[in-house]
Amino acid sequence: MYFDKSGQTNTEQTLKLAFERGKELGIDEVVLASSTGETAYKALEIFTGFRITTVTLHCGFREPFKKAMSDDVRRDLQAKGATVIMATHALSGIERSIAKKHDGCYPALLVSDTLRLFGHGTKVAVEVSIMAADAGALTGNDILSIGGSSRGADTALVLKPVGQSDLFDMRIREIICKPRAF
């Protein structure tokens, strides 16, 4: 499925398409990006019977020492059965800090920009799957991974997850949906 444009307006359809495809394939794990928790709450409504892992922005991403997802929201999502991970972005990390101060070419940022050739949501979906794997939240089986272009979700993938140290062993098996224009 291709959306005419990227963004939050695609969230519900992205989640429903991913849920249906996951059921067809026998996949029961979903990883999704959710900075504030809004997308995670929608996923909890749709992904019945799935292990849901929500990955949020690391503390200080937008403002030093500030969390994007409040502790109350995180606790509530966990009480409702979701795993919530707050971690440094797998495809930027310390390289983003170096790039701010120095010119040069940095491998993780190149991987990030290469994935953005398919849309920002594709990059996010790959990245949150790595972050969830690194946090020990996944079984190693194929998963659904969902990302977005800013707020909400507009991209869903079926992939074989890996941690950062094995990035090139990841396999994007299917693109369930993504924006055509981004």
C-alpha atoms as a PDB file:
ATOM      1  CA  MET A   1       0.000   0.000   0.000  1.00  0.00           C
ATOM      2  CA  TYR A   2       1.307   3.439  -0.875  1.00  0.00           C
ATOM      3  CA  PHE A   3      -0.009   6.579   0.794  1.00  0.00           C
ATOM      4  CA  ASP A   4      -0.293   9.791  -1.225  1.00  0.00           C
ATOM      5  CA  LYS A   5       1.559  11.720   1.458  1.00  0.00           C
ATOM      6  CA  SER A   6       3.486  11.065   4.636  1.00  0.00           C
ATOM      7  CA  GLY A   7       2.402  11.796   8.166  1.00  0.00           C
ATOM      8  CA  GLN A   8       0.098  11.263  11.082  1.00  0.00           C
ATOM      9  CA  THR A   9      -3.073  10.956   8.981  1.00  0.00           C
ATOM     10  CA  ASN A  10      -1.901   7.469   7.979  1.00  0.00           C
ATOM     11  CA  THR A  11      -1.439   6.141  11.509  1.00  0.00           C
ATOM     12  CA  GLU A  12      -4.607   4.118  11.949  1.00  0.00           C
ATOM     13  CA  GLN A  13      -4.463   2.573   8.475  1.00  0.00           C
ATOM     14  CA  THR A  14      -0.761   1.756   8.891  1.00  0.00           C
ATOM     15  CA  LEU A  15      -1.447  -0.035  12.168  1.00  0.00           C
ATOM     16  CA  LYS A  16      -4.418  -1.945  10.743  1.00  0.00           C
ATOM     17  CA  LEU A  17      -2.529  -3.012   7.603  1.00  0.00           C
ATOM     18  CA  ALA A  18       0.406  -4.192   9.706  1.00  0.00           C
ATOM     19  CA  PHE A  19      -1.874  -6.080  12.095  1.00  0.00           C
ATOM     20  CA  GLU A  20      -3.615  -7.903   9.228  1.00  0.00           C
ATOM     21  CA  ARG A  21      -0.340  -8.803   7.531  1.00  0.00           C
ATOM     22  CA  GLY A  22       1.145  -9.979  10.800  1.00  0.00           C
ATOM     23  CA  LYS A  23      -1.834 -12.264  11.374  1.00  0.00           C
ATOM     24  CA  GLU A  24      -1.488 -13.668   7.827  1.00  0.00           C
ATOM     25  CA  LEU A  25       2.189 -14.434   8.405  1.00  0.00           C
ATOM     26  CA  GLY A  26       1.839 -15.735  11.957  1.00  0.00           C
ATOM     27  CA  ILE A  27       3.913 -12.887  13.382  1.00  0.00           C
ATOM     28  CA  ASP A  28       3.040 -11.853  16.925  1.00  0.00           C
ATOM     29  CA  GLU A  29       5.664  -9.186  17.709  1.00  0.00           C
ATOM     30  CA  VAL A  30       5.400  -5.542  16.754  1.00  0.00           C
ATOM     31  CA  VAL A  31       7.876  -2.745  17.397  1.00  0.00           C
ATOM     32  CA  LEU A  32       6.814   0.832  16.887  1.00  0.00           C
ATOM     33  CA  ALA A  33       8.109   4.331  17.327  1.00  0.00           C
ATOM     34  CA  SER A  34       6.084   6.530  19.657  1.00  0.00           C
ATOM     35  CA  SER A  35       7.611   9.661  21.085  1.00  0.00           C
ATOM     36  CA  THR A  36       4.678  10.794  23.248  1.00  0.00           C
ATOM     37  CA  GLY A  37       2.707   7.538  23.510  1.00  0.00           C
ATOM     38  CA  GLU A  38      -0.130   8.497  21.184  1.00  0.00           C
ATOM     39  CA  THR A  39       0.759   5.933  18.506  1.00  0.00           C
ATOM     40  CA  ALA A  40       1.412   3.297  21.178  1.00  0.00           C
ATOM     41  CA  TYR A  41      -2.085   3.739  22.624  1.00  0.00           C
ATOM     42  CA  LYS A  42      -3.601   3.236  19.160  1.00  0.00           C
ATOM     43  CA  ALA A  43      -1.465   0.134  18.692  1.00  0.00           C
ATOM     44  CA  LEU A  44      -2.728  -1.310  21.976  1.00  0.00           C
ATOM     45  CA  GLU A  45      -6.276  -1.039  20.622  1.00  0.00           C
ATOM     46  CA  ILE A  46      -5.444  -2.772  17.329  1.00  0.00           C
ATOM     47  CA  PHE A  47      -2.714  -5.345  18.054  1.00  0.00           C
ATOM     48  CA  THR A  48      -4.625  -7.780  20.239  1.00  0.00           C
ATOM     49  CA  GLY A  49      -2.611 -10.932  20.872  1.00  0.00           C
ATOM     50  CA  PHE A  50       0.711  -9.315  19.924  1.00  0.00           C
ATOM     51  CA  ARG A  51       3.797  -8.504  21.972  1.00  0.00           C
ATOM     52  CA  ILE A  52       4.033  -4.725  21.620  1.00  0.00           C
ATOM     53  CA  THR A  53       7.340  -2.926  22.054  1.00  0.00           C
ATOM     54  CA  THR A  54       7.285   0.857  21.960  1.00  0.00           C
ATOM     55  CA  VAL A  55      10.507   2.743  21.355  1.00  0.00           C
ATOM     56  CA  THR A  56      10.607   6.383  22.350  1.00  0.00           C
ATOM     57  CA  LEU A  57      13.137   9.168  21.915  1.00  0.00           C
ATOM     58  CA  HIS A  58      16.126   9.232  24.234  1.00  0.00           C
ATOM     59  CA  CYS A  59      16.142  11.738  27.060  1.00  0.00           C
ATOM     60  CA  GLY A  60      17.468  15.061  25.808  1.00  0.00           C
ATOM     61  CA  PHE A  61      16.594  14.504  22.149  1.00  0.00           C
ATOM     62  CA  ARG A  62      14.552  17.688  21.912  1.00  0.00           C
ATOM     63  CA  GLU A  63      15.761  19.521  24.992  1.00  0.00           C
ATOM     64  CA  PRO A  64      18.576  18.613  27.420  1.00  0.00           C
ATOM     65  CA  PHE A  65      17.425  16.356  30.250  1.00  0.00           C
ATOM     66  CA  LYS A  66      13.771  16.341  29.067  1.00  0.00           C
ATOM     67  CA  LYS A  67      11.892  13.183  28.136  1.00  0.00           C
ATOM     68  CA  ALA A  68       9.584  13.151  25.119  1.00  0.00           C
ATOM     69  CA  MET A  69       7.349  10.524  26.756  1.00  0.00           C
ATOM     70  CA  SER A  70       6.261  11.332  30.277  1.00  0.00           C
ATOM     71  CA  ASP A  71       6.888   8.841  33.063  1.00  0.00           C
ATOM     72  CA  ASP A  72       3.118   8.617  33.658  1.00  0.00           C
ATOM     73  CA  VAL A  73       2.482   7.621  30.027  1.00  0.00           C
ATOM     74  CA  ARG A  74       5.353   5.123  30.091  1.00  0.00           C
ATOM     75  CA  ARG A  75       4.025   3.500  33.271  1.00  0.00           C
ATOM     76  CA  ASP A  76       0.479   3.404  31.885  1.00  0.00           C
ATOM     77  CA  LEU A  77       1.591   1.770  28.628  1.00  0.00           C
ATOM     78  CA  GLN A  78       3.561  -0.812  30.594  1.00  0.00           C
ATOM     79  CA  ALA A  79       0.577  -1.481  32.851  1.00  0.00           C
ATOM     80  CA  LYS A  80      -1.461  -2.125  29.713  1.00  0.00           C
ATOM     81  CA  GLY A  81       1.081  -4.720  28.541  1.00  0.00           C
ATOM     82  CA  ALA A  82       3.462  -2.818  26.272  1.00  0.00           C
ATOM     83  CA  THR A  83       7.218  -2.858  26.693  1.00  0.00           C
ATOM     84  CA  VAL A  84       8.583   0.686  26.554  1.00  0.00           C
ATOM     85  CA  ILE A  85      12.178   1.405  25.617  1.00  0.00           C
ATOM     86  CA  MET A  86      13.898   4.777  25.750  1.00  0.00           C
ATOM     87  CA  ALA A  87      17.301   4.579  24.070  1.00  0.00           C
ATOM     88  CA  THR A  88      19.825   6.470  21.999  1.00  0.00           C
ATOM     89  CA  HIS A  89      19.051   6.357  18.296  1.00  0.00           C
ATOM     90  CA  ALA A  90      20.774   3.339  16.807  1.00  0.00           C
ATOM     91  CA  LEU A  91      21.564   5.115  13.538  1.00  0.00           C
ATOM     92  CA  SER A  92      23.035   8.315  14.890  1.00  0.00           C
ATOM     93  CA  GLY A  93      24.100   8.143  18.532  1.00  0.00           C
ATOM     94  CA  ILE A  94      27.361   9.882  19.220  1.00  0.00           C
ATOM     95  CA  GLU A  95      27.977  10.423  15.494  1.00  0.00           C
ATOM     96  CA  ARG A  96      25.278  13.103  15.439  1.00  0.00           C
ATOM     97  CA  SER A  97      27.161  14.969  18.156  1.00  0.00           C
ATOM     98  CA  ILE A  98      30.429  14.729  16.204  1.00  0.00           C
ATOM     99  CA  ALA A  99      28.731  15.830  12.971  1.00  0.00           C
ATOM    100  CA  LYS A 100      27.398  18.948  14.730  1.00  0.00           C
ATOM    101  CA  LYS A 101      30.953  20.004  15.620  1.00  0.00           C
ATOM    102  CA  HIS A 102      33.076  18.657  12.752  1.00  0.00           C
ATOM    103  CA  ASP A 103      32.847  18.122   9.043  1.00  0.00           C
ATOM    104  CA  GLY A 104      33.220  14.629   7.713  1.00  0.00           C
ATOM    105  CA  CYS A 105      31.547  11.440   6.709  1.00  0.00           C
ATOM    106  CA  TYR A 106      30.139   9.161   9.409  1.00  0.00           C
ATOM    107  CA  PRO A 107      29.022   5.564   8.724  1.00  0.00           C
ATOM    108  CA  ALA A 108      25.884   5.445  10.895  1.00  0.00           C
ATOM    109  CA  LEU A 109      24.647   8.724   9.436  1.00  0.00           C
ATOM    110  CA  LEU A 110      25.270   7.389   5.919  1.00  0.00           C
ATOM    111  CA  VAL A 111      23.200   4.291   6.698  1.00  0.00           C
ATOM    112  CA  SER A 112      20.493   6.542   8.106  1.00  0.00           C
ATOM    113  CA  ASP A 113      20.429   8.754   5.012  1.00  0.00           C
ATOM    114  CA  THR A 114      20.442   5.723   2.722  1.00  0.00           C
ATOM    115  CA  LEU A 115      17.369   4.302   4.452  1.00  0.00           C
ATOM    116  CA  ARG A 116      15.661   7.698   4.070  1.00  0.00           C
ATOM    117  CA  LEU A 117      15.797   7.131   0.295  1.00  0.00           C
ATOM    118  CA  PHE A 118      12.776   4.915   0.989  1.00  0.00           C
ATOM    119  CA  GLY A 119      11.212   7.544   3.278  1.00  0.00           C
ATOM    120  CA  HIS A 120      11.815   8.733   6.808  1.00  0.00           C
ATOM    121  CA  GLY A 121       9.413   6.129   8.199  1.00  0.00           C
ATOM    122  CA  THR A 122      11.506   3.312   6.710  1.00  0.00           C
ATOM    123  CA  LYS A 123      14.598   4.633   8.477  1.00  0.00           C
ATOM    124  CA  VAL A 124      12.659   4.898  11.747  1.00  0.00           C
ATOM    125  CA  ALA A 125      11.171   1.401  11.440  1.00  0.00           C
ATOM    126  CA  VAL A 126      14.624  -0.107  10.912  1.00  0.00           C
ATOM    127  CA  GLU A 127      16.122   1.970  13.717  1.00  0.00           C
ATOM    128  CA  VAL A 128      13.513   1.137  16.369  1.00  0.00           C
ATOM    129  CA  SER A 129      13.837  -2.565  15.578  1.00  0.00           C
ATOM    130  CA  ILE A 130      17.582  -2.317  16.257  1.00  0.00           C
ATOM    131  CA  MET A 131      16.973  -0.418  19.486  1.00  0.00           C
ATOM    132  CA  ALA A 132      14.426  -3.024  20.643  1.00  0.00           C
ATOM    133  CA  ALA A 133      16.820  -5.864  19.787  1.00  0.00           C
ATOM    134  CA  ASP A 134      19.655  -4.164  21.663  1.00  0.00           C
ATOM    135  CA  ALA A 135      17.390  -3.742  24.696  1.00  0.00           C
ATOM    136  CA  GLY A 136      16.618  -7.475  24.726  1.00  0.00           C
ATOM    137  CA  ALA A 137      12.923  -6.958  24.022  1.00  0.00           C
ATOM    138  CA  LEU A 138      12.666  -9.274  20.994  1.00  0.00           C
ATOM    139  CA  THR A 139      12.685 -13.032  20.507  1.00  0.00           C
ATOM    140  CA  GLY A 140      14.705 -12.999  17.263  1.00  0.00           C
ATOM    141  CA  ASN A 141      11.772 -14.075  15.116  1.00  0.00           C
ATOM    142  CA  ASP A 142      10.483 -11.938  12.256  1.00  0.00           C
ATOM    143  CA  ILE A 143       8.623  -8.855  13.461  1.00  0.00           C
ATOM    144  CA  LEU A 144       6.439  -6.046  12.256  1.00  0.00           C
ATOM    145  CA  SER A 145       8.243  -2.732  12.628  1.00  0.00           C
ATOM    146  CA  ILE A 146       6.419   0.581  12.338  1.00  0.00           C
ATOM    147  CA  GLY A 147       7.798   4.084  11.930  1.00  0.00           C
ATOM    148  CA  GLY A 148       6.698   7.501  10.860  1.00  0.00           C
ATOM    149  CA  SER A 149       7.817  10.696   9.237  1.00  0.00           C
ATOM    150  CA  SER A 150       7.330  12.986  12.212  1.00  0.00           C
ATOM    151  CA  ARG A 151       4.288  12.277  14.341  1.00  0.00           C
ATOM    152  CA  GLY A 152       2.202   9.162  13.993  1.00  0.00           C
ATOM    153  CA  ALA A 153       2.971   6.198  11.752  1.00  0.00           C
ATOM    154  CA  ASP A 154       3.055   5.878   7.982  1.00  0.00           C
ATOM    155  CA  THR A 155       5.435   2.978   7.314  1.00  0.00           C
ATOM    156  CA  ALA A 156       5.228  -0.695   8.245  1.00  0.00           C
ATOM    157  CA  LEU A 157       7.790  -3.384   7.477  1.00  0.00           C
ATOM    158  CA  VAL A 158       8.174  -7.097   8.013  1.00  0.00           C
ATOM    159  CA  LEU A 159      11.770  -7.730   8.961  1.00  0.00           C
ATOM    160  CA  LYS A 160      14.238 -10.061  10.570  1.00  0.00           C
ATOM    161  CA  PRO A 161      15.546  -7.992  13.505  1.00  0.00           C
ATOM    162  CA  VAL A 162      19.160  -7.697  14.579  1.00  0.00           C
ATOM    163  CA  GLY A 163      21.148  -5.648  17.058  1.00  0.00           C
ATOM    164  CA  GLN A 164      23.513  -2.846  16.064  1.00  0.00           C
ATOM    165  CA  SER A 165      26.552  -5.071  15.800  1.00  0.00           C
ATOM    166  CA  ASP A 166      24.824  -7.227  13.155  1.00  0.00           C
ATOM    167  CA  LEU A 167      23.066  -4.515  11.108  1.00  0.00           C
ATOM    168  CA  PHE A 168      23.934  -5.995   7.732  1.00  0.00           C
ATOM    169  CA  ASP A 169      22.350  -9.310   8.691  1.00  0.00           C
ATOM    170  CA  MET A 170      18.940  -7.616   8.987  1.00  0.00           C
ATOM    171  CA  ARG A 171      16.483  -8.576   6.280  1.00  0.00           C
ATOM    172  CA  ILE A 172      13.610  -6.325   5.271  1.00  0.00           C
ATOM    173  CA  ARG A 173      11.277  -9.015   4.037  1.00  0.00           C
ATOM    174  CA  GLU A 174       8.298  -6.860   3.077  1.00  0.00           C
ATOM    175  CA  ILE A 175       7.164  -3.277   2.885  1.00  0.00           C
ATOM    176  CA  ILE A 176       3.536  -3.391   3.995  1.00  0.00           C
ATOM    177  CA  CYS A 177       2.938   0.324   3.485  1.00  0.00           C
ATOM    178  CA  LYS A 178       4.798   3.584   3.096  1.00  0.00           C
ATOM    179  CA  PRO A 179       4.228   7.059   1.725  1.00  0.00           C
ATOM    180  CA  ARG A 180       4.791   7.444  -1.999  1.00  0.00           C
ATOM    181  CA  ALA A 181       5.483  11.142  -1.654  1.00  0.00           C
ATOM    182  CA  PHE A 182       7.855  12.176   1.102  1.00  0.00           C
END
